[in-house]
Amino acid sequence: MTQSFATTMKERISERSLLKHPFYQDWQAGRLTLDDLAVYAGQYYFFEANFPRYLSAIHSRCPDREVRQSILDNLWDEEHGEENHRSLWLDFCEAVGLERDSVEHTDIHPKTQELLDTYENTCNDGSFQEGLAAMYAYEQQVPEIALEKMRGLKDHHGIYEAGALKFFAVHSTLDEEHSEKEEEGIANHTTRENQPAVEGALQSALDAWWGFLDGVQEVRVATAAAI
């Protein structure tokens, strides 16, 4: 992968940055209610619960040992132990008023399902480079997003408890390492021939994430209108 392609990937992520989405802008500005946060938390749960499966799919399709090891490190961080990332997310769900045992039974919004389908298809049917690009589209943004979310939760909702914020605290640093490894894997294994497919996977993931937040915003607006 040429340096210009690496720059192109970062530019595409910047153009579609989730922090530019109205929902996240409202989060930063303190315009969300706890009910709004609960809607978001319930929908995001499904991505977090399936994230290890997407990593496993990429891992199983990757012929390069070093890249597989970096994916395995990511998977281990996500899934091992009692404080796995799904469990940490459920801690946050409780902090915004959801019952821990009921979150997985939340109705999945169609745009949430589109996000899940995008990652399912890319990671299972695309090349490992395409799968890494889908991961990179999100994890490259996560550290900055996580810090902004924590700031908003503290400043506007008085949520300071370490357990409620640990998911964000962990990802504010850990995903710097994950995204660097993903970028390295893409850089070392993307040729001019498969560059368009990798770029397409990146863009599809970015669009799916934006659509996911559109769905959360739709529920928020509809709920407010019904009151």
Foldseek 3Di string as FASTA:
>chain_A
DDPVLVVVLVVLLVVLPPCPAPVVVCLLVLNDALVLVLLVLLLVLVCLVCVLVLLVLLLVQDPDPVLNVLSVVVSCQQDDDPVHLSNLSLLLSVVSPDDSVCSVVDDHFPLSVLLVVLSVCQSNPHHSLLNLLLVLSPLVNLLVSLVSNVVSCCPNVVDDDCSNSVSSVCSNPVSVSSNVSSSVVNVVPDDPVCSVVSSVSNNSSSVSVSSSVVRSVVVVVVVVVVD
